[in-house]
Amino acid sequence: MGTFLKQKGGQVVAACDVDKEHLAKAVQENRRIGQTGSWQRSLAIFRKAAKIVRNGLIGDVTRVEVGLPDGNRNSGNEARSMTPSDPPPELDYDMWIGPSQMMPYIQLRTLLAACLLTSVLATSARALTPAEADTAFRSLNQVYWDAATKFFRKEETGATKADFWLEAQLWDTVMDQYDRTHSETVKQQVNDLYDGFMARYPDWTTNKYNDDIMWWTIGCTRAYQITKADRYLKQAKTSFDFVYNTFCDTNLGGGIWWTSDRRSKNSCIESPAVIAAVRLSDLLNDASYFDKARSLYAWQKTTLTDGNGKVFDSLRLPRARDTNTTAFSTNTSTKTTASTSTNRFANRNRNRSPLSTFSLTYNQGTYIGASVLLYLKTRNPIYLAEAKKAADWTKANLCTGTNQILKSENQGDGGAFKGIFVRYMKLLVRDCGCKEYLPWMQANAETAWRNRRASDNIMGYDWSVPADRGIQSQSASSAVSLVLCFSDDAKN
């Protein structure tokens, strides 16, 4: 407790600890105003603690104890001294000690330890409740789902439909909700969305982007597992076979061409193809798909990763105008991250290396997914190690703030990237037992949900700030998938 002596106008001229009786007497005799205050509340760590409590990160506060330091003197309450005593009946002291060596109960020491423990726990986010997860999914449908056309809209208003590959991400979000709830209503939406998409795009082979086709292939494997409808498995096999048989070759050492013009081989198609192939090998009981998965993965690992968790974007065919440089460009992006862009994979650096080494959560996430599925199939620890390295690299390099919230990758295609990442992080946490990543994912979910729009519960593309208007459906669905995958009933 400090005493502040001020001049007229409020300027502090002294701050000291004095005896309270002498201070009170001096104030009265000189007809002045005395002020005492807890200056600690102005420190950054105390402001942070207040913010943590106010935002509910430690759960519901049911009791607050406030005390003033009074040494070992008894001021009407039991003295909080360093004298050993019996623990209070409401405290399981054996559990409190845990594996540590047994020692006498001392009230002040135990209270101090409790405060330190609380400060640690306060930085851990809570898991969102099932009701909150259901609200997030329901709000996505209310704002973007068009039941008449069985299609998600791209924008909050208007009739423009979501793009080809982005509708696949929205389909995945619907299936994320089914995985939580096993709701027949949600299962019907799984079927309805596919019907609406097929009515608009009956022939997928006309799409020049092989990753777009592969996302629908992955979705079909999930839909088959949910519905057991043969049409999904048949379509998954047909689509994978088309892409693999037409666009996988030994140019650049292996891998699948990203687009039909065969200019580059990108992580955005390689890992999704591995995921689809592993699932098809199980669903069809056909080992040849697993062989394809391992071959594609080996090429990507060797060619499009740094061996320490970073997944590169792409390797393209050298061009005559390329310079003989060993420097890698890291400031360009293949997938568009702005809704106004007209070129999905703009190349702004004409003299760059054929290897593009920048990274996106899209590629980090699908590489994690491919590694996890191969690990679960083989139990080879090398695959699990790769998945964890990719997760660790993402946490260290593609996040912001003390809670390591995944950075914004804007809207457009970028709005869907983080949803892909968290969906495959769920496999790492749930199916591989890597619970060390759960607090990180829950912190992201809690932050995105806290920053939702109050009017309609829509979350934005930047989870670290309050959501604004003009959120596109793929951006909203990424946050919804995050909440669905890491709510407290998501079997993590």
Protein backbone atom coordinates (compact mmCIF):
# COMPACT_ATOMS: atom_id res chain seq x y z
CA MET A 1 0.00 0.00 0.00
CA GLY A 2 1.46 3.37 -0.96
CA THR A 3 0.83 6.92 0.21
CA PHE A 4 0.81 9.60 -2.49
CA LEU A 5 1.61 13.23 -1.59
CA LYS A 6 0.40 15.64 -4.24
CA GLN A 7 0.76 19.30 -5.08
CA LYS A 8 -2.18 21.36 -6.18
CA GLY A 9 -3.18 20.11 -9.64
CA GLY A 10 -2.50 16.47 -8.82
CA GLN A 11 1.24 16.11 -9.48
CA VAL A 12 2.74 13.40 -7.31
CA VAL A 13 5.75 14.71 -5.39
CA ALA A 14 6.37 11.75 -3.09
CA ALA A 15 5.26 8.20 -2.60
CA CYS A 16 6.23 6.33 0.51
CA ASP A 17 5.20 3.82 3.12
CA VAL A 18 4.30 5.50 6.42
CA ASP A 19 2.55 4.51 9.61
CA LYS A 20 -1.18 4.84 9.03
CA GLU A 21 -1.92 6.38 12.44
CA HIS A 22 0.63 9.19 12.00
CA LEU A 23 -0.62 9.82 8.49
CA ALA A 24 -4.25 10.11 9.57
CA LYS A 25 -3.28 12.51 12.34
CA ALA A 26 -1.25 14.70 9.96
CA VAL A 27 -4.12 14.85 7.46
CA GLN A 28 -6.60 15.90 10.10
CA GLU A 29 -4.36 18.50 11.73
CA ASN A 30 -3.46 20.15 8.42
CA ARG A 31 -6.97 19.93 6.95
CA ARG A 32 -5.70 18.07 3.90
CA ILE A 33 -6.90 15.09 1.86
CA GLY A 34 -4.94 11.88 2.14
CA GLN A 35 -4.99 9.25 -0.59
CA THR A 36 -3.79 5.67 -0.59
CA GLY A 37 -3.83 3.40 -3.61
CA SER A 38 -2.70 0.07 -4.97
CA TRP A 39 -0.27 1.27 -7.62
CA GLN A 40 0.17 -2.32 -8.84
CA ARG A 41 -3.12 -2.17 -10.73
CA SER A 42 -1.44 0.09 -13.27
CA LEU A 43 1.21 -2.49 -14.12
CA ALA A 44 0.85 -4.39 -17.40
CA ILE A 45 0.71 -7.79 -15.72
CA PHE A 46 -2.22 -6.71 -13.53
CA ARG A 47 -4.08 -5.17 -16.46
CA LYS A 48 -3.58 -8.42 -18.36
CA ALA A 49 -4.87 -10.44 -15.41
CA ALA A 50 -7.98 -8.26 -15.23
CA LYS A 51 -8.58 -8.73 -18.95
CA ILE A 52 -8.21 -12.50 -18.64
CA VAL A 53 -10.81 -12.66 -15.86
CA ARG A 54 -13.25 -10.27 -17.56
CA ASN A 55 -13.15 -12.31 -20.77
CA GLY A 56 -13.95 -15.52 -18.95
CA LEU A 57 -10.71 -17.34 -19.72
CA ILE A 58 -10.57 -18.83 -16.21
CA GLY A 59 -14.22 -19.81 -16.29
CA ASP A 60 -16.99 -18.48 -14.07
CA VAL A 61 -15.70 -16.68 -10.99
CA THR A 62 -17.69 -17.87 -7.97
CA ARG A 63 -15.64 -16.45 -5.09
CA VAL A 64 -13.08 -13.67 -4.69
CA GLU A 65 -10.91 -13.33 -1.59
CA VAL A 66 -9.39 -9.91 -0.85
CA GLY A 67 -6.89 -9.29 1.90
CA LEU A 68 -4.54 -6.60 3.16
CA PRO A 69 -1.00 -7.31 4.33
CA ASP A 70 -0.79 -7.23 8.10
CA GLY A 71 2.31 -9.25 8.83
CA ASN A 72 1.72 -11.90 11.47
CA ARG A 73 -0.58 -9.75 13.57
CA ASN A 74 -4.11 -10.94 14.24
CA SER A 75 -6.52 -8.23 13.14
CA GLY A 76 -9.68 -10.15 13.90
CA ASN A 77 -9.14 -12.95 11.41
CA GLU A 78 -6.84 -15.94 11.59
CA ALA A 79 -3.27 -14.77 11.12
CA ARG A 80 -1.75 -15.77 7.81
CA SER A 81 1.61 -16.67 9.25
CA MET A 82 4.35 -19.07 8.31
CA THR A 83 3.50 -21.23 11.34
CA PRO A 84 2.53 -24.82 10.42
CA SER A 85 -1.10 -25.70 11.11
CA ASP A 86 -3.79 -28.16 10.14
CA PRO A 87 -5.14 -27.65 6.59
CA PRO A 88 -8.73 -26.43 6.32
CA PRO A 89 -11.34 -29.18 5.88
CA GLU A 90 -12.31 -28.04 2.36
CA LEU A 91 -8.74 -28.57 1.09
CA ASP A 92 -7.59 -32.04 0.00
CA TYR A 93 -4.02 -31.42 1.11
CA ASP A 94 -2.70 -34.77 -0.16
CA MET A 95 -3.96 -33.92 -3.65
CA TRP A 96 -2.55 -30.41 -3.31
CA ILE A 97 0.93 -31.80 -2.55
CA GLY A 98 0.65 -34.33 -5.38
CA PRO A 99 3.90 -36.16 -6.18
CA SER A 100 6.01 -33.67 -4.20
CA GLN A 101 7.55 -34.50 -0.85
CA MET A 102 5.05 -34.12 2.01
CA MET A 103 5.54 -30.95 4.05
CA PRO A 104 3.56 -29.19 6.80
CA TYR A 105 0.60 -27.06 5.77
CA ILE A 106 1.43 -23.35 6.02
CA GLN A 107 -1.39 -21.03 5.10
CA LEU A 108 0.60 -18.19 3.59
CA ARG A 109 2.80 -20.50 1.52
CA THR A 110 -0.22 -22.39 0.19
CA LEU A 111 -2.06 -19.21 -0.72
CA LEU A 112 0.99 -17.90 -2.57
CA ALA A 113 1.26 -21.16 -4.52
CA ALA A 114 -2.44 -20.95 -5.35
CA CYS A 115 -1.98 -17.44 -6.72
CA LEU A 116 0.91 -18.56 -8.90
CA LEU A 117 -1.09 -21.54 -10.15
CA THR A 118 -4.06 -19.33 -10.92
CA SER A 119 -1.85 -16.99 -12.96
CA VAL A 120 -0.74 -19.97 -15.04
CA LEU A 121 -4.23 -21.36 -15.49
CA ALA A 122 -5.57 -17.94 -16.41
CA THR A 123 -3.64 -18.01 -19.67
CA SER A 124 -5.37 -21.24 -20.72
CA ALA A 125 -8.48 -20.79 -22.82
CA ARG A 126 -11.66 -22.61 -22.04
CA ALA A 127 -13.23 -25.08 -24.40
CA LEU A 128 -16.36 -23.69 -25.98
CA THR A 129 -19.58 -25.37 -24.96
CA PRO A 130 -21.74 -27.60 -27.18
CA ALA A 131 -24.40 -24.89 -27.18
CA GLU A 132 -21.89 -22.33 -28.45
CA ALA A 133 -20.71 -24.71 -31.17
CA ASP A 134 -24.30 -25.33 -32.27
CA THR A 135 -24.94 -21.59 -32.32
CA ALA A 136 -21.89 -21.01 -34.52
CA PHE A 137 -23.05 -23.60 -37.06
CA ARG A 138 -26.66 -22.43 -37.00
CA SER A 139 -25.56 -18.83 -37.57
CA LEU A 140 -23.46 -19.86 -40.59
CA ASN A 141 -26.53 -21.47 -42.13
CA GLN A 142 -28.80 -18.56 -41.32
CA VAL A 143 -26.55 -16.02 -43.02
CA TYR A 144 -25.19 -17.98 -46.01
CA TRP A 145 -27.13 -21.19 -46.73
CA ASP A 146 -29.67 -21.06 -49.57
CA ALA A 147 -31.96 -24.03 -49.03
CA ALA A 148 -33.77 -23.42 -52.32
CA THR A 149 -30.66 -23.89 -54.48
CA LYS A 150 -28.90 -26.17 -51.95
CA PHE A 151 -25.83 -23.98 -52.13
CA PHE A 152 -23.92 -21.64 -49.85
CA ARG A 153 -23.83 -18.01 -50.92
CA LYS A 154 -20.47 -16.33 -51.22
CA GLU A 155 -21.45 -13.07 -49.57
CA GLU A 156 -23.74 -12.08 -46.72
CA THR A 157 -26.15 -10.52 -49.21
CA GLY A 158 -26.95 -11.22 -52.84
CA ALA A 159 -27.31 -14.43 -54.80
CA THR A 160 -23.69 -15.09 -55.84
CA LYS A 161 -22.80 -18.68 -55.03
CA ALA A 162 -19.59 -19.82 -53.37
CA ASP A 163 -16.78 -20.76 -55.75
CA PHE A 164 -16.12 -24.37 -56.82
CA TRP A 165 -13.41 -25.24 -54.31
CA LEU A 166 -14.77 -23.01 -51.55
CA GLU A 167 -18.09 -24.84 -51.62
CA ALA A 168 -16.07 -27.98 -50.88
CA GLN A 169 -14.70 -26.30 -47.75
CA LEU A 170 -18.19 -25.34 -46.67
CA TRP A 171 -19.24 -28.96 -47.25
CA ASP A 172 -16.42 -30.03 -44.96
CA THR A 173 -17.74 -27.65 -42.30
CA VAL A 174 -21.18 -29.26 -42.52
CA MET A 175 -19.53 -32.63 -42.05
CA ASP A 176 -17.54 -31.27 -39.11
CA GLN A 177 -20.90 -30.55 -37.48
CA TYR A 178 -22.15 -34.03 -38.28
CA ASP A 179 -19.06 -35.55 -36.67
CA ARG A 180 -20.00 -33.70 -33.45
CA THR A 181 -23.72 -34.33 -33.40
CA HIS A 182 -24.64 -37.24 -35.70
CA SER A 183 -27.73 -35.21 -36.45
CA GLU A 184 -30.06 -36.52 -39.15
CA THR A 185 -30.82 -32.92 -40.10
CA VAL A 186 -27.14 -32.25 -40.69
CA LYS A 187 -26.80 -35.50 -42.63
CA GLN A 188 -29.59 -34.30 -44.90
CA GLN A 189 -27.69 -31.07 -45.50
CA VAL A 190 -24.63 -33.14 -46.45
CA ASN A 191 -26.71 -34.78 -49.16
CA ASP A 192 -28.49 -31.60 -50.19
CA LEU A 193 -25.29 -29.63 -50.67
CA TYR A 194 -23.85 -32.34 -52.89
CA ASP A 195 -27.04 -32.39 -54.97
CA GLY A 196 -26.93 -28.63 -55.38
CA PHE A 197 -23.28 -28.72 -56.39
CA MET A 198 -23.73 -31.53 -58.92
CA ALA A 199 -26.62 -29.66 -60.51
CA ARG A 200 -24.25 -26.75 -61.12
CA TYR A 201 -21.04 -28.71 -61.85
CA PRO A 202 -21.89 -32.12 -63.29
CA ASP A 203 -18.48 -32.57 -64.97
CA TRP A 204 -15.54 -31.83 -62.68
CA THR A 205 -12.93 -32.60 -65.33
CA THR A 206 -13.56 -29.21 -66.93
CA ASN A 207 -11.97 -27.47 -63.93
CA LYS A 208 -8.33 -26.63 -64.68
CA TYR A 209 -7.33 -26.67 -60.99
CA ASN A 210 -6.58 -30.19 -59.84
CA ASP A 211 -6.66 -29.21 -56.16
CA ASP A 212 -10.28 -28.09 -56.61
CA ILE A 213 -11.19 -31.54 -57.86
CA MET A 214 -9.21 -33.20 -55.09
CA TRP A 215 -11.08 -31.28 -52.40
CA TRP A 216 -14.36 -32.67 -53.68
CA THR A 217 -12.74 -36.10 -53.79
CA ILE A 218 -11.82 -35.80 -50.11
CA GLY A 219 -15.31 -34.55 -49.33
CA CYS A 220 -16.85 -37.54 -51.08
CA THR A 221 -14.81 -39.95 -48.94
CA ARG A 222 -16.16 -38.23 -45.83
CA ALA A 223 -19.72 -38.19 -47.15
CA TYR A 224 -19.50 -41.90 -47.89
CA GLN A 225 -18.37 -42.61 -44.33
CA ILE A 226 -21.33 -40.59 -43.04
CA THR A 227 -24.09 -41.81 -45.36
CA LYS A 228 -22.78 -45.09 -46.81
CA ALA A 229 -24.23 -43.95 -50.14
CA ASP A 230 -22.33 -45.61 -52.98
CA ARG A 231 -22.52 -42.53 -55.20
CA TYR A 232 -19.97 -40.78 -53.02
CA LEU A 233 -17.41 -43.55 -53.10
CA LYS A 234 -17.85 -43.99 -56.84
CA GLN A 235 -17.36 -40.27 -57.46
CA ALA A 236 -14.31 -40.14 -55.17
CA LYS A 237 -12.63 -42.98 -57.05
CA THR A 238 -13.47 -41.57 -60.47
CA SER A 239 -12.20 -38.10 -59.60
CA PHE A 240 -8.98 -39.25 -57.98
CA ASP A 241 -8.21 -41.60 -60.85
CA PHE A 242 -8.76 -38.80 -63.36
CA VAL A 243 -6.36 -36.41 -61.63
CA TYR A 244 -3.70 -38.98 -60.81
CA ASN A 245 -3.70 -40.81 -64.14
CA THR A 246 -3.77 -37.60 -66.17
CA PHE A 247 -1.47 -35.27 -64.24
CA CYS A 248 1.00 -37.34 -62.19
CA ASP A 249 4.32 -37.92 -63.91
CA THR A 250 8.08 -37.90 -63.37
CA ASN A 251 8.67 -34.31 -64.50
CA LEU A 252 10.40 -32.35 -61.72
CA GLY A 253 11.03 -35.68 -60.04
CA GLY A 254 7.43 -36.68 -59.42
CA GLY A 255 4.20 -35.29 -58.03
CA ILE A 256 0.97 -34.05 -59.59
CA TRP A 257 0.67 -30.95 -61.73
CA TRP A 258 -1.34 -28.24 -60.04
CA THR A 259 -3.26 -27.15 -63.14
CA SER A 260 -4.05 -28.57 -66.56
CA ASP A 261 -1.43 -26.31 -68.19
CA ARG A 262 1.32 -28.26 -66.34
CA ARG A 263 3.49 -25.36 -65.23
CA SER A 264 4.06 -26.17 -61.56
CA LYS A 265 3.66 -28.83 -58.92
CA ASN A 266 2.27 -27.40 -55.71
CA SER A 267 1.76 -28.50 -52.14
CA CYS A 268 -1.88 -27.48 -52.48
CA ILE A 269 -2.50 -30.57 -54.65
CA GLU A 270 0.12 -33.01 -53.34
CA SER A 271 -1.00 -33.34 -49.70
CA PRO A 272 -4.73 -33.38 -50.51
CA ALA A 273 -4.03 -36.15 -53.02
CA VAL A 274 -2.21 -38.12 -50.31
CA ILE A 275 -5.18 -37.68 -47.97
CA ALA A 276 -7.63 -38.83 -50.63
CA ALA A 277 -5.46 -41.80 -51.63
CA VAL A 278 -5.07 -43.09 -48.07
CA ARG A 279 -8.81 -42.90 -47.50
CA LEU A 280 -9.57 -44.61 -50.80
CA SER A 281 -7.11 -47.39 -49.97
CA ASP A 282 -9.16 -48.10 -46.84
CA LEU A 283 -12.62 -47.65 -48.32
CA LEU A 284 -11.87 -49.69 -51.45
CA ASN A 285 -9.51 -52.11 -49.69
CA ASP A 286 -7.08 -51.43 -52.51
CA ALA A 287 -3.39 -51.23 -51.58
CA SER A 288 -2.48 -49.55 -54.87
CA TYR A 289 -3.93 -46.27 -53.58
CA PHE A 290 -1.77 -46.49 -50.49
CA ASP A 291 1.30 -46.98 -52.68
CA LYS A 292 0.35 -43.83 -54.59
CA ALA A 293 -0.08 -41.95 -51.33
CA ARG A 294 3.37 -42.93 -50.07
CA SER A 295 5.01 -42.04 -53.36
CA LEU A 296 3.40 -38.60 -53.53
CA TYR A 297 4.23 -37.92 -49.90
CA ALA A 298 7.88 -38.92 -50.32
CA TRP A 299 8.26 -36.58 -53.28
CA GLN A 300 6.62 -33.67 -51.48
CA LYS A 301 8.63 -34.22 -48.30
CA THR A 302 11.89 -34.23 -50.26
CA THR A 303 11.03 -31.42 -52.64
CA LEU A 304 8.54 -29.11 -50.94
CA THR A 305 9.56 -29.03 -47.26
CA ASP A 306 12.64 -27.79 -45.44
CA GLY A 307 12.80 -30.87 -43.20
CA ASN A 308 12.04 -28.78 -40.11
CA GLY A 309 8.30 -28.33 -40.42
CA LYS A 310 8.00 -25.63 -43.06
CA VAL A 311 6.01 -26.66 -46.13
CA PHE A 312 6.96 -24.84 -49.33
CA ASP A 313 4.39 -23.69 -51.82
CA SER A 314 5.48 -24.98 -55.20
CA LEU A 315 8.09 -26.00 -57.74
CA ARG A 316 7.59 -24.82 -61.28
CA LEU A 317 9.23 -25.54 -64.58
CA PRO A 318 12.24 -23.27 -65.17
CA ARG A 319 11.74 -20.58 -67.76
CA ALA A 320 14.24 -19.05 -70.12
CA ARG A 321 14.02 -15.67 -68.38
CA ASP A 322 14.76 -17.13 -64.93
CA THR A 323 18.09 -16.04 -63.51
CA ASN A 324 20.67 -18.37 -62.03
CA THR A 325 19.93 -17.40 -58.45
CA THR A 326 19.78 -19.44 -55.30
CA ALA A 327 17.63 -16.90 -53.48
CA PHE A 328 14.06 -17.97 -52.85
CA SER A 329 11.12 -15.61 -53.12
CA THR A 330 9.04 -15.54 -49.95
CA ASN A 331 6.80 -12.58 -50.67
CA THR A 332 4.41 -14.00 -53.22
CA SER A 333 1.33 -16.11 -52.79
CA THR A 334 -0.21 -18.70 -55.04
CA LYS A 335 -3.67 -18.65 -53.55
CA THR A 336 -5.40 -15.29 -53.63
CA THR A 337 -5.90 -13.70 -50.21
CA ALA A 338 -7.91 -10.68 -51.30
CA SER A 339 -11.45 -10.81 -52.52
CA THR A 340 -10.75 -8.20 -55.21
CA SER A 341 -7.96 -10.17 -56.88
CA THR A 342 -8.64 -11.55 -60.33
CA ASN A 343 -5.60 -13.82 -60.52
CA ARG A 344 -5.72 -16.66 -58.00
CA PHE A 345 -2.04 -17.40 -58.21
CA ALA A 346 -0.39 -14.12 -59.14
CA ASN A 347 3.33 -14.18 -59.94
CA ARG A 348 4.66 -10.75 -59.07
CA ASN A 349 8.34 -11.65 -59.19
CA ARG A 350 9.39 -12.53 -62.71
CA ASN A 351 12.96 -13.50 -61.87
CA ARG A 352 12.49 -15.82 -58.96
CA SER A 353 13.76 -19.30 -58.25
CA PRO A 354 11.57 -22.15 -59.57
CA LEU A 355 11.09 -23.16 -55.93
CA SER A 356 8.62 -20.95 -54.04
CA THR A 357 9.35 -21.35 -50.34
CA PHE A 358 6.66 -19.24 -48.69
CA SER A 359 4.16 -21.06 -46.53
CA LEU A 360 0.42 -20.94 -45.90
CA THR A 361 -1.75 -22.56 -43.25
CA TYR A 362 -3.46 -24.42 -46.11
CA ASN A 363 -0.27 -26.30 -46.98
CA GLN A 364 0.82 -26.72 -43.37
CA GLY A 365 -2.55 -28.20 -42.51
CA THR A 366 -2.83 -30.63 -45.39
CA TYR A 367 0.75 -31.83 -44.83
CA ILE A 368 -0.19 -32.49 -41.21
CA GLY A 369 -3.26 -34.38 -42.41
CA ALA A 370 -1.29 -36.47 -44.89
CA SER A 371 1.36 -37.26 -42.26
CA VAL A 372 -1.25 -38.24 -39.66
CA LEU A 373 -3.16 -40.55 -42.01
CA LEU A 374 0.05 -42.28 -43.07
CA TYR A 375 1.06 -42.64 -39.44
CA LEU A 376 -2.29 -44.15 -38.48
CA LYS A 377 -2.00 -46.56 -41.40
CA THR A 378 1.58 -47.66 -40.72
CA ARG A 379 2.37 -46.60 -37.12
CA ASN A 380 5.71 -45.41 -38.47
CA PRO A 381 6.83 -42.71 -36.00
CA ILE A 382 8.57 -40.77 -38.77
CA TYR A 383 5.18 -39.69 -40.12
CA LEU A 384 4.00 -38.53 -36.71
CA ALA A 385 7.23 -36.62 -36.22
CA GLU A 386 6.64 -34.82 -39.52
CA ALA A 387 3.12 -33.86 -38.48
CA LYS A 388 4.34 -32.46 -35.18
CA LYS A 389 7.18 -30.53 -36.80
CA ALA A 390 4.71 -28.91 -39.20
CA ALA A 391 2.40 -28.00 -36.31
CA ASP A 392 5.27 -26.57 -34.28
CA TRP A 393 6.56 -24.55 -37.21
CA THR A 394 3.10 -23.11 -37.81
CA LYS A 395 2.70 -22.19 -34.16
CA ALA A 396 6.07 -20.45 -34.15
CA ASN A 397 5.81 -18.65 -37.50
CA LEU A 398 2.19 -18.20 -38.63
CA CYS A 399 0.66 -16.95 -35.39
CA THR A 400 0.40 -13.67 -33.56
CA GLY A 401 0.12 -12.54 -29.93
CA THR A 402 0.86 -14.27 -26.66
CA ASN A 403 -1.89 -16.85 -27.24
CA GLN A 404 -0.46 -17.57 -30.71
CA ILE A 405 -3.61 -16.94 -32.69
CA LEU A 406 -3.33 -17.96 -36.33
CA LYS A 407 -2.66 -14.92 -38.47
CA SER A 408 -5.20 -13.54 -40.89
CA GLU A 409 -4.79 -14.66 -44.49
CA ASN A 410 -7.53 -12.26 -45.56
CA GLN A 411 -10.55 -13.29 -47.60
CA GLY A 412 -10.89 -14.74 -51.08
CA ASP A 413 -9.21 -18.15 -51.19
CA GLY A 414 -7.21 -17.20 -48.10
CA GLY A 415 -10.37 -17.12 -46.02
CA ALA A 416 -10.57 -20.92 -46.20
CA PHE A 417 -6.96 -21.69 -45.32
CA LYS A 418 -7.18 -21.72 -41.53
CA GLY A 419 -10.28 -23.90 -41.59
CA ILE A 420 -8.27 -26.51 -43.45
CA PHE A 421 -5.45 -26.24 -40.93
CA VAL A 422 -7.59 -26.69 -37.82
CA ARG A 423 -9.51 -29.61 -39.33
CA TYR A 424 -6.32 -31.63 -39.72
CA MET A 425 -4.96 -30.40 -36.40
CA LYS A 426 -7.96 -32.12 -34.88
CA LEU A 427 -6.72 -35.43 -36.29
CA LEU A 428 -3.31 -34.82 -34.75
CA VAL A 429 -4.81 -34.04 -31.36
CA ARG A 430 -7.61 -36.60 -31.31
CA ASP A 431 -6.38 -39.58 -33.29
CA CYS A 432 -2.69 -39.32 -32.40
CA GLY A 433 -3.16 -38.24 -28.79
CA CYS A 434 -1.04 -35.09 -29.16
CA LYS A 435 -2.93 -33.20 -26.46
CA GLU A 436 -0.14 -30.65 -26.08
CA TYR A 437 -1.68 -28.76 -29.02
CA LEU A 438 -5.19 -28.67 -27.55
CA PRO A 439 -4.76 -25.48 -25.44
CA TRP A 440 -3.41 -23.68 -28.50
CA MET A 441 -6.39 -24.66 -30.63
CA GLN A 442 -8.84 -23.88 -27.84
CA ALA A 443 -7.25 -20.45 -27.40
CA ASN A 444 -7.83 -19.80 -31.10
CA ALA A 445 -11.44 -20.98 -30.85
CA GLU A 446 -12.18 -18.94 -27.75
CA THR A 447 -10.61 -15.82 -29.29
CA ALA A 448 -12.49 -16.14 -32.58
CA TRP A 449 -15.76 -16.72 -30.75
CA ARG A 450 -15.21 -13.80 -28.38
CA ASN A 451 -14.65 -11.55 -31.43
CA ARG A 452 -17.78 -12.67 -33.26
CA ARG A 453 -20.38 -10.15 -34.37
CA ALA A 454 -22.92 -9.69 -31.61
CA SER A 455 -25.77 -9.24 -34.07
CA ASP A 456 -25.55 -12.63 -35.78
CA ASN A 457 -22.61 -14.57 -34.23
CA ILE A 458 -20.58 -14.52 -37.45
CA MET A 459 -16.81 -14.75 -36.95
CA GLY A 460 -14.36 -13.02 -39.26
CA TYR A 461 -11.20 -13.88 -41.15
CA ASP A 462 -8.96 -12.23 -38.54
CA TRP A 463 -9.74 -14.07 -35.33
CA SER A 464 -7.75 -11.66 -33.17
CA VAL A 465 -10.03 -8.64 -33.75
CA PRO A 466 -13.80 -8.10 -33.70
CA ALA A 467 -15.52 -9.27 -36.89
CA ASP A 468 -16.69 -6.54 -39.23
CA ARG A 469 -19.31 -6.56 -41.95
CA GLY A 470 -18.67 -8.08 -45.38
CA ILE A 471 -17.43 -11.49 -44.21
CA GLN A 472 -17.46 -14.08 -46.98
CA SER A 473 -18.85 -17.53 -46.31
CA GLN A 474 -15.54 -19.38 -46.58
CA SER A 475 -13.98 -17.03 -44.03
CA ALA A 476 -16.88 -17.49 -41.64
CA SER A 477 -16.84 -21.26 -42.11
CA SER A 478 -13.14 -21.51 -41.21
CA ALA A 479 -13.88 -20.09 -37.79
CA VAL A 480 -16.97 -22.26 -37.45
CA SER A 481 -14.92 -25.39 -38.21
CA LEU A 482 -12.43 -24.28 -35.57
CA VAL A 483 -15.21 -24.05 -32.98
CA LEU A 484 -16.78 -27.34 -34.07
CA CYS A 485 -13.49 -29.23 -34.01
CA PHE A 486 -12.39 -27.96 -30.60
CA SER A 487 -15.57 -27.49 -28.57
CA ASP A 488 -15.74 -29.53 -25.38
CA ASP A 489 -17.84 -32.29 -26.97
CA ALA A 490 -15.68 -32.76 -30.07
CA LYS A 491 -14.02 -35.93 -28.74
CA ASN A 492 -10.57 -34.32 -28.50
